[in-house]
Amino acid sequence: MMKIFWRIIGVGLLLWAAWDIYFGYTFLYDVIYKEVEPTLYWVTVAAWIILGLSCFYTKDE
């Protein structure tokens, strides 16, 4: 049951990252635009992707 939950969360985070890449802004503590703060933008998008992928590698006990 929990494995399905984490996969849903992972898909959501990956969709969030895809949305961010497509539209060029993301949310962290405020809206971060790729043109204004590119380093913070890409670090944040990378974090969403890593967190999303990590949800597919949880152990079901």
PDB file of N, CA and C in Angstrom:
ATOM      1  N   MET A   1       0.816  -1.201   0.000  1.00  0.00           N
ATOM      2  CA  MET A   1       0.000   0.000   0.000  1.00  0.00           C
ATOM      3  C   MET A   1       0.860   1.265   0.000  1.00  0.00           C
ATOM      4  N   MET A   2       1.861   1.317   0.865  1.00  0.00           N
ATOM      5  CA  MET A   2       2.726   2.501   0.934  1.00  0.00           C
ATOM      6  C   MET A   2       3.569   2.655  -0.322  1.00  0.00           C
ATOM      7  N   LYS A   3       3.885   1.537  -0.971  1.00  0.00           N
ATOM      8  CA  LYS A   3       4.680   1.611  -2.194  1.00  0.00           C
ATOM      9  C   LYS A   3       3.909   2.366  -3.282  1.00  0.00           C
ATOM     10  N   ILE A   4       2.620   2.103  -3.376  1.00  0.00           N
ATOM     11  CA  ILE A   4       1.789   2.817  -4.358  1.00  0.00           C
ATOM     12  C   ILE A   4       1.726   4.301  -4.008  1.00  0.00           C
ATOM     13  N   PHE A   5       1.581   4.605  -2.730  1.00  0.00           N
ATOM     14  CA  PHE A   5       1.533   5.998  -2.280  1.00  0.00           C
ATOM     15  C   PHE A   5       2.780   6.746  -2.714  1.00  0.00           C
ATOM     16  N   TRP A   6       3.963   6.170  -2.482  1.00  0.00           N
ATOM     17  CA  TRP A   6       5.213   6.853  -2.823  1.00  0.00           C
ATOM     18  C   TRP A   6       5.395   6.968  -4.324  1.00  0.00           C
ATOM     19  N   ARG A   7       4.885   6.006  -5.080  1.00  0.00           N
ATOM     20  CA  ARG A   7       4.962   6.131  -6.549  1.00  0.00           C
ATOM     21  C   ARG A   7       4.088   7.261  -7.046  1.00  0.00           C
ATOM     22  N   ILE A   8       2.934   7.444  -6.433  1.00  0.00           N
ATOM     23  CA  ILE A   8       2.064   8.563  -6.805  1.00  0.00           C
ATOM     24  C   ILE A   8       2.748   9.886  -6.483  1.00  0.00           C
ATOM     25  N   ILE A   9       3.377   9.969  -5.307  1.00  0.00           N
ATOM     26  CA  ILE A   9       4.123  11.172  -4.929  1.00  0.00           C
ATOM     27  C   ILE A   9       5.258  11.412  -5.927  1.00  0.00           C
ATOM     28  N   GLY A  10       5.967  10.349  -6.307  1.00  0.00           N
ATOM     29  CA  GLY A  10       7.069  10.462  -7.274  1.00  0.00           C
ATOM     30  C   GLY A  10       6.603  10.967  -8.624  1.00  0.00           C
ATOM     31  N   VAL A  11       5.490  10.450  -9.106  1.00  0.00           N
ATOM     32  CA  VAL A  11       4.945  10.915 -10.385  1.00  0.00           C
ATOM     33  C   VAL A  11       4.568  12.395 -10.271  1.00  0.00           C
ATOM     34  N   GLY A  12       3.971  12.756  -9.142  1.00  0.00           N
ATOM     35  CA  GLY A  12       3.611  14.160  -8.932  1.00  0.00           C
ATOM     36  C   GLY A  12       4.814  15.081  -8.945  1.00  0.00           C
ATOM     37  N   LEU A  13       5.888  14.675  -8.294  1.00  0.00           N
ATOM     38  CA  LEU A  13       7.100  15.499  -8.273  1.00  0.00           C
ATOM     39  C   LEU A  13       7.748  15.592  -9.654  1.00  0.00           C
ATOM     40  N   LEU A  14       7.728  14.502 -10.393  1.00  0.00           N
ATOM     41  CA  LEU A  14       8.293  14.541 -11.750  1.00  0.00           C
ATOM     42  C   LEU A  14       7.443  15.407 -12.680  1.00  0.00           C
ATOM     43  N   LEU A  15       6.125  15.348 -12.515  1.00  0.00           N
ATOM     44  CA  LEU A  15       5.260  16.237 -13.297  1.00  0.00           C
ATOM     45  C   LEU A  15       5.495  17.691 -12.923  1.00  0.00           C
ATOM     46  N   TRP A  16       5.707  17.939 -11.641  1.00  0.00           N
ATOM     47  CA  TRP A  16       6.008  19.292 -11.173  1.00  0.00           C
ATOM     48  C   TRP A  16       7.298  19.797 -11.834  1.00  0.00           C
ATOM     49  N   ALA A  17       8.331  18.953 -11.859  1.00  0.00           N
ATOM     50  CA  ALA A  17       9.597  19.340 -12.482  1.00  0.00           C
ATOM     51  C   ALA A  17       9.419  19.582 -13.982  1.00  0.00           C
ATOM     52  N   ALA A  18       8.631  18.739 -14.649  1.00  0.00           N
ATOM     53  CA  ALA A  18       8.379  18.934 -16.081  1.00  0.00           C
ATOM     54  C   ALA A  18       7.645  20.254 -16.325  1.00  0.00           C
ATOM     55  N   TRP A  19       6.683  20.558 -15.477  1.00  0.00           N
ATOM     56  CA  TRP A  19       5.957  21.837 -15.560  1.00  0.00           C
ATOM     57  C   TRP A  19       6.934  23.000 -15.419  1.00  0.00           C
ATOM     58  N   ASP A  20       7.819  22.902 -14.421  1.00  0.00           N
ATOM     59  CA  ASP A  20       8.801  23.964 -14.172  1.00  0.00           C
ATOM     60  C   ASP A  20       9.715  24.175 -15.369  1.00  0.00           C
ATOM     61  N   ILE A  21      10.188  23.095 -15.958  1.00  0.00           N
ATOM     62  CA  ILE A  21      11.083  23.197 -17.108  1.00  0.00           C
ATOM     63  C   ILE A  21      10.353  23.800 -18.308  1.00  0.00           C
ATOM     64  N   TYR A  22       9.117  23.391 -18.509  1.00  0.00           N
ATOM     65  CA  TYR A  22       8.353  23.891 -19.656  1.00  0.00           C
ATOM     66  C   TYR A  22       8.059  25.382 -19.533  1.00  0.00           C
ATOM     67  N   PHE A  23       7.647  25.830 -18.342  1.00  0.00           N
ATOM     68  CA  PHE A  23       7.232  27.216 -18.177  1.00  0.00           C
ATOM     69  C   PHE A  23       8.345  28.161 -17.714  1.00  0.00           C
ATOM     70  N   GLY A  24       9.458  27.622 -17.232  1.00  0.00           N
ATOM     71  CA  GLY A  24      10.607  28.458 -16.901  1.00  0.00           C
ATOM     72  C   GLY A  24      10.575  29.118 -15.540  1.00  0.00           C
ATOM     73  N   TYR A  25       9.729  28.631 -14.649  1.00  0.00           N
ATOM     74  CA  TYR A  25       9.743  29.124 -13.269  1.00  0.00           C
ATOM     75  C   TYR A  25       9.355  27.992 -12.338  1.00  0.00           C
ATOM     76  N   THR A  26       9.734  28.124 -11.083  1.00  0.00           N
ATOM     77  CA  THR A  26       9.431  27.113 -10.081  1.00  0.00           C
ATOM     78  C   THR A  26       9.098  27.795  -8.763  1.00  0.00           C
ATOM     79  N   PHE A  27       8.628  27.016  -7.823  1.00  0.00           N
ATOM     80  CA  PHE A  27       8.287  27.513  -6.496  1.00  0.00           C
ATOM     81  C   PHE A  27       9.197  26.870  -5.464  1.00  0.00           C
ATOM     82  N   LEU A  28       9.717  27.665  -4.574  1.00  0.00           N
ATOM     83  CA  LEU A  28      10.454  27.148  -3.425  1.00  0.00           C
ATOM     84  C   LEU A  28       9.916  27.898  -2.219  1.00  0.00           C
ATOM     85  N   TYR A  29      10.486  28.980  -1.870  1.00  0.00           N
ATOM     86  CA  TYR A  29       9.941  29.878  -0.854  1.00  0.00           C
ATOM     87  C   TYR A  29       9.268  31.068  -1.518  1.00  0.00           C
ATOM     88  N   ASP A  30       9.543  31.241  -2.803  1.00  0.00           N
ATOM     89  CA  ASP A  30       8.984  32.298  -3.633  1.00  0.00           C
ATOM     90  C   ASP A  30       9.059  31.803  -5.079  1.00  0.00           C
ATOM     91  N   VAL A  31       8.489  32.519  -5.995  1.00  0.00           N
ATOM     92  CA  VAL A  31       8.597  32.144  -7.406  1.00  0.00           C
ATOM     93  C   VAL A  31      10.025  32.418  -7.871  1.00  0.00           C
ATOM     94  N   ILE A  32      10.647  31.430  -8.503  1.00  0.00           N
ATOM     95  CA  ILE A  32      12.023  31.554  -8.990  1.00  0.00           C
ATOM     96  C   ILE A  32      11.981  31.435 -10.507  1.00  0.00           C
ATOM     97  N   TYR A  33      12.394  32.495 -11.186  1.00  0.00           N
ATOM     98  CA  TYR A  33      12.391  32.512 -12.645  1.00  0.00           C
ATOM     99  C   TYR A  33      13.758  32.111 -13.182  1.00  0.00           C
ATOM    100  N   LYS A  34      13.746  31.311 -14.245  1.00  0.00           N
ATOM    101  CA  LYS A  34      14.994  30.830 -14.842  1.00  0.00           C
ATOM    102  C   LYS A  34      15.847  31.976 -15.351  1.00  0.00           C
ATOM    103  N   GLU A  35      15.241  33.015 -15.892  1.00  0.00           N
ATOM    104  CA  GLU A  35      15.999  34.137 -16.448  1.00  0.00           C
ATOM    105  C   GLU A  35      16.628  35.001 -15.361  1.00  0.00           C
ATOM    106  N   VAL A  36      16.007  35.064 -14.198  1.00  0.00           N
ATOM    107  CA  VAL A  36      16.482  35.947 -13.134  1.00  0.00           C
ATOM    108  C   VAL A  36      17.535  35.262 -12.267  1.00  0.00           C
ATOM    109  N   GLU A  37      17.255  34.043 -11.822  1.00  0.00           N
ATOM    110  CA  GLU A  37      18.172  33.296 -10.951  1.00  0.00           C
ATOM    111  C   GLU A  37      18.368  31.881 -11.500  1.00  0.00           C
ATOM    112  N   PRO A  38      19.173  31.728 -12.545  1.00  0.00           N
ATOM    113  CA  PRO A  38      19.286  30.415 -13.189  1.00  0.00           C
ATOM    114  C   PRO A  38      19.886  29.326 -12.299  1.00  0.00           C
ATOM    115  N   THR A  39      20.848  29.663 -11.461  1.00  0.00           N
ATOM    116  CA  THR A  39      21.475  28.639 -10.612  1.00  0.00           C
ATOM    117  C   THR A  39      20.478  28.095  -9.599  1.00  0.00           C
ATOM    118  N   LEU A  40      19.788  28.968  -8.900  1.00  0.00           N
ATOM    119  CA  LEU A  40      18.796  28.535  -7.917  1.00  0.00           C
ATOM    120  C   LEU A  40      17.654  27.784  -8.596  1.00  0.00           C
ATOM    121  N   TYR A  41      17.272  28.229  -9.773  1.00  0.00           N
ATOM    122  CA  TYR A  41      16.216  27.557 -10.534  1.00  0.00           C
ATOM    123  C   TYR A  41      16.603  26.112 -10.829  1.00  0.00           C
ATOM    124  N   TRP A  42      17.794  25.907 -11.401  1.00  0.00           N
ATOM    125  CA  TRP A  42      18.195  24.552 -11.785  1.00  0.00           C
ATOM    126  C   TRP A  42      18.469  23.661 -10.575  1.00  0.00           C
ATOM    127  N   VAL A  43      18.977  24.232  -9.496  1.00  0.00           N
ATOM    128  CA  VAL A  43      19.169  23.439  -8.270  1.00  0.00           C
ATOM    129  C   VAL A  43      17.817  22.975  -7.737  1.00  0.00           C
ATOM    130  N   THR A  44      16.842  23.853  -7.765  1.00  0.00           N
ATOM    131  CA  THR A  44      15.510  23.504  -7.270  1.00  0.00           C
ATOM    132  C   THR A  44      14.847  22.457  -8.160  1.00  0.00           C
ATOM    133  N   VAL A  45      14.925  22.627  -9.471  1.00  0.00           N
ATOM    134  CA  VAL A  45      14.346  21.644 -10.395  1.00  0.00           C
ATOM    135  C   VAL A  45      15.057  20.303 -10.244  1.00  0.00           C
ATOM    136  N   ALA A  46      16.367  20.315 -10.094  1.00  0.00           N
ATOM    137  CA  ALA A  46      17.111  19.069  -9.883  1.00  0.00           C
ATOM    138  C   ALA A  46      16.674  18.390  -8.592  1.00  0.00           C
ATOM    139  N   ALA A  47      16.407  19.165  -7.558  1.00  0.00           N
ATOM    140  CA  ALA A  47      15.931  18.599  -6.292  1.00  0.00           C
ATOM    141  C   ALA A  47      14.580  17.921  -6.481  1.00  0.00           C
ATOM    142  N   TRP A  48      13.653  18.549  -7.233  1.00  0.00           N
ATOM    143  CA  TRP A  48      12.346  17.926  -7.479  1.00  0.00           C
ATOM    144  C   TRP A  48      12.519  16.619  -8.234  1.00  0.00           C
ATOM    145  N   ILE A  49      13.430  16.611  -9.225  1.00  0.00           N
ATOM    146  CA  ILE A  49      13.655  15.401 -10.019  1.00  0.00           C
ATOM    147  C   ILE A  49      14.259  14.291  -9.164  1.00  0.00           C
ATOM    148  N   ILE A  50      15.248  14.614  -8.366  1.00  0.00           N
ATOM    149  CA  ILE A  50      15.892  13.614  -7.503  1.00  0.00           C
ATOM    150  C   ILE A  50      14.903  13.069  -6.486  1.00  0.00           C
ATOM    151  N   LEU A  51      14.123  13.949  -5.868  1.00  0.00           N
ATOM    152  CA  LEU A  51      13.115  13.490  -4.914  1.00  0.00           C
ATOM    153  C   LEU A  51      12.063  12.626  -5.600  1.00  0.00           C
ATOM    154  N   GLY A  52      11.650  13.024  -6.801  1.00  0.00           N
ATOM    155  CA  GLY A  52      10.669  12.232  -7.535  1.00  0.00           C
ATOM    156  C   GLY A  52      11.188  10.846  -7.881  1.00  0.00           C
ATOM    157  N   LEU A  53      12.410  10.772  -8.358  1.00  0.00           N
ATOM    158  CA  LEU A  53      13.000   9.472  -8.696  1.00  0.00           C
ATOM    159  C   LEU A  53      13.222   8.607  -7.460  1.00  0.00           C
ATOM    160  N   SER A  54      13.572   9.227  -6.353  1.00  0.00           N
ATOM    161  CA  SER A  54      13.823   8.455  -5.127  1.00  0.00           C
ATOM    162  C   SER A  54      12.553   7.781  -4.620  1.00  0.00           C
ATOM    163  N   CYS A  55      11.402   8.297  -4.974  1.00  0.00           N
ATOM    164  CA  CYS A  55      10.147   7.689  -4.539  1.00  0.00           C
ATOM    165  C   CYS A  55       9.914   6.322  -5.182  1.00  0.00           C
ATOM    166  N   PHE A  56      10.575   6.031  -6.285  1.00  0.00           N
ATOM    167  CA  PHE A  56      10.418   4.740  -6.947  1.00  0.00           C
ATOM    168  C   PHE A  56      11.367   3.678  -6.379  1.00  0.00           C
ATOM    169  N   TYR A  57      12.219   4.068  -5.455  1.00  0.00           N
ATOM    170  CA  TYR A  57      13.190   3.127  -4.895  1.00  0.00           C
ATOM    171  C   TYR A  57      12.989   2.930  -3.407  1.00  0.00           C
ATOM    172  N   THR A  58      11.741   2.944  -2.962  1.00  0.00           N
ATOM    173  CA  THR A  58      11.454   2.681  -1.557  1.00  0.00           C
ATOM    174  C   THR A  58      11.200   1.198  -1.360  1.00  0.00           C
ATOM    175  N   LYS A  59      11.505   0.712  -0.178  1.00  0.00           N
ATOM    176  CA  LYS A  59      11.270  -0.695   0.137  1.00  0.00           C
ATOM    177  C   LYS A  59       9.872  -0.859   0.717  1.00  0.00           C
ATOM    178  N   ASP A  60       9.201  -1.890   0.305  1.00  0.00           N
ATOM    179  CA  ASP A  60       7.889  -2.200   0.844  1.00  0.00           C
ATOM    180  C   ASP A  60       8.068  -3.259   1.925  1.00  0.00           C
ATOM    181  N   GLU A  61       7.737  -2.896   3.129  1.00  0.00           N
ATOM    182  CA  GLU A  61       7.952  -3.833   4.253  1.00  0.00           C
ATOM    183  C   GLU A  61       6.692  -4.558   4.621  1.00  0.00           C
TER     184      GLU A  61
END
